[in-house]
């Protein structure tokens, strides 16, 4: 299991459209992927879970990956959040 703190740089935070883009990216990996905000953690492959965190623009969260391709997933998802979730 690996983790990294990232800042959500999307101008709309993690609302439904951005959450869907993150889910699409996270679902490409075999690893389990979670997003943690404070004491709450949600599956990054679940729209309802991500939306329940209420992540606003510029907020820091922790990405956690666990599984066969955890390192690759963490690196690529961290880069994705840094780019404002656009690509």
N, C-alpha and C. Protein backbone atom coordinates (compact mmCIF):
# COMPACT_ATOMS: atom_id res chain seq x y z
N UNK A 1 0.84 -1.17 0.00
CA UNK A 1 0.00 0.00 0.00
C UNK A 1 0.89 1.24 0.00
N UNK A 2 0.55 2.19 -0.87
CA UNK A 2 1.29 3.45 -0.94
C UNK A 2 0.28 4.60 -0.91
N UNK A 3 0.74 5.76 -0.45
CA UNK A 3 -0.15 6.91 -0.33
C UNK A 3 0.63 8.19 -0.61
N UNK A 4 -0.12 9.20 -1.03
CA UNK A 4 0.49 10.51 -1.29
C UNK A 4 -0.57 11.59 -1.12
N UNK A 5 -0.18 12.69 -0.49
CA UNK A 5 -1.09 13.83 -0.39
C UNK A 5 -1.03 14.61 -1.70
N UNK A 6 -2.20 14.97 -2.21
CA UNK A 6 -2.31 15.75 -3.44
C UNK A 6 -3.30 16.88 -3.21
N UNK A 7 -3.19 17.89 -4.04
CA UNK A 7 -4.13 19.01 -4.00
C UNK A 7 -5.03 18.91 -5.22
N UNK A 8 -6.32 19.01 -5.01
CA UNK A 8 -7.28 18.97 -6.11
C UNK A 8 -7.27 20.35 -6.77
N UNK A 9 -6.69 20.42 -7.95
CA UNK A 9 -6.50 21.71 -8.60
C UNK A 9 -7.58 22.04 -9.63
N UNK A 10 -8.57 21.18 -9.77
CA UNK A 10 -9.69 21.47 -10.65
C UNK A 10 -10.44 22.69 -10.11
N UNK A 11 -10.86 23.59 -10.98
CA UNK A 11 -11.55 24.80 -10.54
C UNK A 11 -12.93 24.53 -9.95
N UNK A 12 -13.45 23.33 -10.17
CA UNK A 12 -14.75 22.99 -9.60
C UNK A 12 -14.65 21.97 -8.48
N UNK A 13 -13.43 21.69 -8.04
CA UNK A 13 -13.25 20.70 -6.98
C UNK A 13 -13.53 19.31 -7.51
N UNK A 14 -14.18 18.51 -6.71
CA UNK A 14 -14.49 17.14 -7.13
C UNK A 14 -16.00 16.98 -7.24
N UNK A 15 -16.64 17.82 -8.07
CA UNK A 15 -18.06 17.68 -8.33
C UNK A 15 -18.26 16.53 -9.31
N UNK A 16 -19.49 16.28 -9.72
CA UNK A 16 -19.79 15.04 -10.45
C UNK A 16 -18.99 14.83 -11.73
N UNK A 17 -18.79 15.86 -12.53
CA UNK A 17 -18.05 15.67 -13.78
C UNK A 17 -16.59 15.32 -13.51
N UNK A 18 -15.96 16.03 -12.59
CA UNK A 18 -14.56 15.76 -12.26
C UNK A 18 -14.43 14.41 -11.54
N UNK A 19 -15.38 14.10 -10.69
CA UNK A 19 -15.36 12.80 -10.01
C UNK A 19 -15.46 11.67 -11.04
N UNK A 20 -16.31 11.85 -12.03
CA UNK A 20 -16.45 10.82 -13.08
C UNK A 20 -15.15 10.63 -13.84
N UNK A 21 -14.43 11.71 -14.09
CA UNK A 21 -13.14 11.60 -14.79
C UNK A 21 -12.12 10.86 -13.93
N UNK A 22 -12.12 11.15 -12.62
CA UNK A 22 -11.22 10.45 -11.72
C UNK A 22 -11.57 8.96 -11.65
N UNK A 23 -12.84 8.65 -11.59
CA UNK A 23 -13.29 7.25 -11.56
C UNK A 23 -12.83 6.53 -12.81
N UNK A 24 -12.98 7.17 -13.95
CA UNK A 24 -12.56 6.56 -15.21
C UNK A 24 -11.06 6.23 -15.18
N UNK A 25 -10.26 7.17 -14.68
CA UNK A 25 -8.82 6.94 -14.57
C UNK A 25 -8.52 5.83 -13.56
N UNK A 26 -9.11 5.91 -12.38
CA UNK A 26 -8.84 4.94 -11.32
C UNK A 26 -9.26 3.52 -11.73
N UNK A 27 -10.32 3.43 -12.50
CA UNK A 27 -10.83 2.12 -12.92
C UNK A 27 -9.92 1.41 -13.91
N UNK A 28 -8.97 2.13 -14.47
CA UNK A 28 -8.03 1.51 -15.42
C UNK A 28 -6.96 0.67 -14.71
N UNK A 29 -6.91 0.75 -13.39
CA UNK A 29 -5.87 0.03 -12.63
C UNK A 29 -6.47 -1.16 -11.89
N UNK A 30 -5.66 -2.19 -11.72
CA UNK A 30 -6.08 -3.34 -10.93
C UNK A 30 -6.07 -3.01 -9.44
N UNK A 31 -5.22 -2.07 -9.05
CA UNK A 31 -5.09 -1.70 -7.63
C UNK A 31 -6.38 -1.10 -7.10
N UNK A 32 -6.61 -1.30 -5.82
CA UNK A 32 -7.68 -0.59 -5.14
C UNK A 32 -7.21 0.84 -4.96
N UNK A 33 -8.11 1.81 -5.15
CA UNK A 33 -7.74 3.21 -5.04
C UNK A 33 -8.75 3.90 -4.13
N UNK A 34 -8.24 4.63 -3.14
CA UNK A 34 -9.08 5.38 -2.22
C UNK A 34 -8.65 6.83 -2.19
N UNK A 35 -9.60 7.69 -1.85
CA UNK A 35 -9.33 9.10 -1.61
C UNK A 35 -9.71 9.35 -0.15
N UNK A 36 -8.78 9.90 0.61
CA UNK A 36 -9.05 10.17 2.02
C UNK A 36 -9.04 11.67 2.27
N UNK A 37 -10.08 12.15 2.93
CA UNK A 37 -10.19 13.56 3.34
C UNK A 37 -10.44 13.55 4.84
N UNK A 38 -9.50 14.10 5.57
CA UNK A 38 -9.57 14.08 7.03
C UNK A 38 -9.70 12.64 7.50
N UNK A 39 -10.75 12.32 8.23
CA UNK A 39 -10.92 10.96 8.76
C UNK A 39 -11.77 10.08 7.85
N UNK A 40 -12.28 10.63 6.76
CA UNK A 40 -13.17 9.88 5.87
C UNK A 40 -12.42 9.38 4.64
N UNK A 41 -12.75 8.17 4.23
CA UNK A 41 -12.10 7.56 3.07
C UNK A 41 -13.17 7.00 2.15
N UNK A 42 -12.98 7.22 0.83
CA UNK A 42 -13.95 6.72 -0.15
C UNK A 42 -13.23 5.98 -1.27
N UNK A 43 -13.89 5.00 -1.82
CA UNK A 43 -13.38 4.26 -2.97
C UNK A 43 -13.35 5.22 -4.16
N UNK A 44 -12.21 5.35 -4.80
CA UNK A 44 -12.06 6.26 -5.93
C UNK A 44 -12.70 5.73 -7.20
N UNK A 45 -13.31 4.56 -7.12
CA UNK A 45 -14.02 4.00 -8.26
C UNK A 45 -15.54 4.07 -8.04
N UNK A 46 -15.95 4.88 -7.04
CA UNK A 46 -17.36 5.02 -6.68
C UNK A 46 -17.77 6.48 -6.72
N UNK A 47 -18.72 6.81 -7.58
CA UNK A 47 -19.18 8.20 -7.70
C UNK A 47 -19.79 8.69 -6.39
N UNK A 48 -20.68 7.91 -5.82
CA UNK A 48 -21.33 8.32 -4.58
C UNK A 48 -20.30 8.52 -3.46
N UNK A 49 -19.34 7.61 -3.39
CA UNK A 49 -18.30 7.74 -2.37
C UNK A 49 -17.50 9.02 -2.51
N UNK A 50 -17.07 9.31 -3.73
CA UNK A 50 -16.27 10.53 -3.96
C UNK A 50 -17.08 11.79 -3.68
N UNK A 51 -18.32 11.83 -4.15
CA UNK A 51 -19.15 13.01 -3.94
C UNK A 51 -19.44 13.23 -2.45
N UNK A 52 -19.52 12.15 -1.69
CA UNK A 52 -19.82 12.27 -0.26
C UNK A 52 -18.70 12.96 0.52
N UNK A 53 -17.51 13.02 -0.06
CA UNK A 53 -16.39 13.68 0.61
C UNK A 53 -16.48 15.20 0.54
N UNK A 54 -17.21 15.74 -0.43
CA UNK A 54 -17.38 17.18 -0.55
C UNK A 54 -16.07 17.94 -0.75
N UNK A 55 -15.27 17.50 -1.69
CA UNK A 55 -13.94 18.09 -1.91
C UNK A 55 -14.07 19.35 -2.75
N UNK A 56 -13.53 20.45 -2.23
CA UNK A 56 -13.61 21.76 -2.90
C UNK A 56 -12.28 22.07 -3.59
N UNK A 57 -12.28 23.03 -4.52
CA UNK A 57 -11.04 23.38 -5.22
C UNK A 57 -9.92 23.78 -4.26
N UNK A 58 -8.73 23.29 -4.54
CA UNK A 58 -7.56 23.63 -3.74
C UNK A 58 -7.41 22.82 -2.46
N UNK A 59 -8.32 21.91 -2.21
CA UNK A 59 -8.26 21.11 -1.00
C UNK A 59 -7.25 19.96 -1.14
N UNK A 60 -6.55 19.67 -0.07
CA UNK A 60 -5.60 18.55 -0.07
C UNK A 60 -6.28 17.29 0.43
N UNK A 61 -6.03 16.19 -0.28
CA UNK A 61 -6.55 14.88 0.08
C UNK A 61 -5.40 13.88 -0.05
N UNK A 62 -5.62 12.69 0.45
CA UNK A 62 -4.61 11.64 0.32
C UNK A 62 -5.12 10.58 -0.64
N UNK A 63 -4.31 10.28 -1.65
CA UNK A 63 -4.59 9.16 -2.55
C UNK A 63 -3.91 7.93 -1.98
N UNK A 64 -4.63 6.84 -1.91
CA UNK A 64 -4.09 5.59 -1.38
C UNK A 64 -4.33 4.50 -2.42
N UNK A 65 -3.29 3.77 -2.76
CA UNK A 65 -3.43 2.66 -3.71
C UNK A 65 -2.87 1.39 -3.09
N UNK A 66 -3.48 0.27 -3.43
CA UNK A 66 -3.04 -1.01 -2.88
C UNK A 66 -3.34 -2.10 -3.91
N UNK A 67 -2.30 -2.77 -4.36
CA UNK A 67 -2.50 -3.85 -5.32
C UNK A 67 -1.34 -3.98 -6.28
N UNK A 68 -1.54 -4.81 -7.27
CA UNK A 68 -0.49 -5.18 -8.21
C UNK A 68 0.19 -3.97 -8.87
N UNK A 69 -0.58 -2.99 -9.31
CA UNK A 69 -0.01 -1.83 -9.99
C UNK A 69 -0.14 -0.54 -9.16
N UNK A 70 -0.01 -0.68 -7.85
CA UNK A 70 -0.23 0.45 -6.95
C UNK A 70 0.70 1.64 -7.20
N UNK A 71 1.97 1.37 -7.47
CA UNK A 71 2.92 2.47 -7.70
C UNK A 71 2.56 3.26 -8.96
N UNK A 72 2.28 2.55 -10.03
CA UNK A 72 1.90 3.21 -11.29
C UNK A 72 0.61 3.99 -11.11
N UNK A 73 -0.37 3.37 -10.46
CA UNK A 73 -1.65 4.04 -10.23
C UNK A 73 -1.46 5.33 -9.43
N UNK A 74 -0.67 5.26 -8.38
CA UNK A 74 -0.46 6.45 -7.54
C UNK A 74 0.23 7.56 -8.31
N UNK A 75 1.27 7.22 -9.05
CA UNK A 75 2.00 8.23 -9.82
C UNK A 75 1.10 8.90 -10.85
N UNK A 76 0.38 8.09 -11.60
CA UNK A 76 -0.44 8.64 -12.69
C UNK A 76 -1.66 9.39 -12.17
N UNK A 77 -2.28 8.92 -11.11
CA UNK A 77 -3.43 9.63 -10.55
C UNK A 77 -3.01 10.93 -9.87
N UNK A 78 -1.85 10.93 -9.23
CA UNK A 78 -1.34 12.17 -8.62
C UNK A 78 -1.06 13.21 -9.71
N UNK A 79 -0.48 12.77 -10.81
CA UNK A 79 -0.21 13.68 -11.93
C UNK A 79 -1.52 14.19 -12.52
N UNK A 80 -2.51 13.34 -12.61
CA UNK A 80 -3.83 13.71 -13.12
C UNK A 80 -4.47 14.79 -12.26
N UNK A 81 -4.41 14.64 -10.94
CA UNK A 81 -5.00 15.67 -10.06
C UNK A 81 -4.20 16.97 -10.16
N UNK A 82 -2.90 16.87 -10.33
CA UNK A 82 -2.06 18.07 -10.44
C UNK A 82 -2.38 18.86 -11.70
N UNK A 83 -2.74 18.17 -12.78
CA UNK A 83 -3.08 18.83 -14.05
C UNK A 83 -4.49 19.40 -14.06
N UNK A 84 -5.18 19.32 -12.94
CA UNK A 84 -6.55 19.82 -12.91
C UNK A 84 -7.55 18.85 -13.47
N UNK A 85 -7.16 17.57 -13.52
CA UNK A 85 -8.00 16.48 -14.00
C UNK A 85 -8.42 16.67 -15.45
N UNK A 86 -7.50 17.16 -16.24
CA UNK A 86 -7.78 17.30 -17.67
C UNK A 86 -6.75 16.54 -18.48
N UNK A 87 -7.21 15.72 -19.34
CA UNK A 87 -6.40 15.05 -20.38
C UNK A 87 -7.22 14.14 -21.19
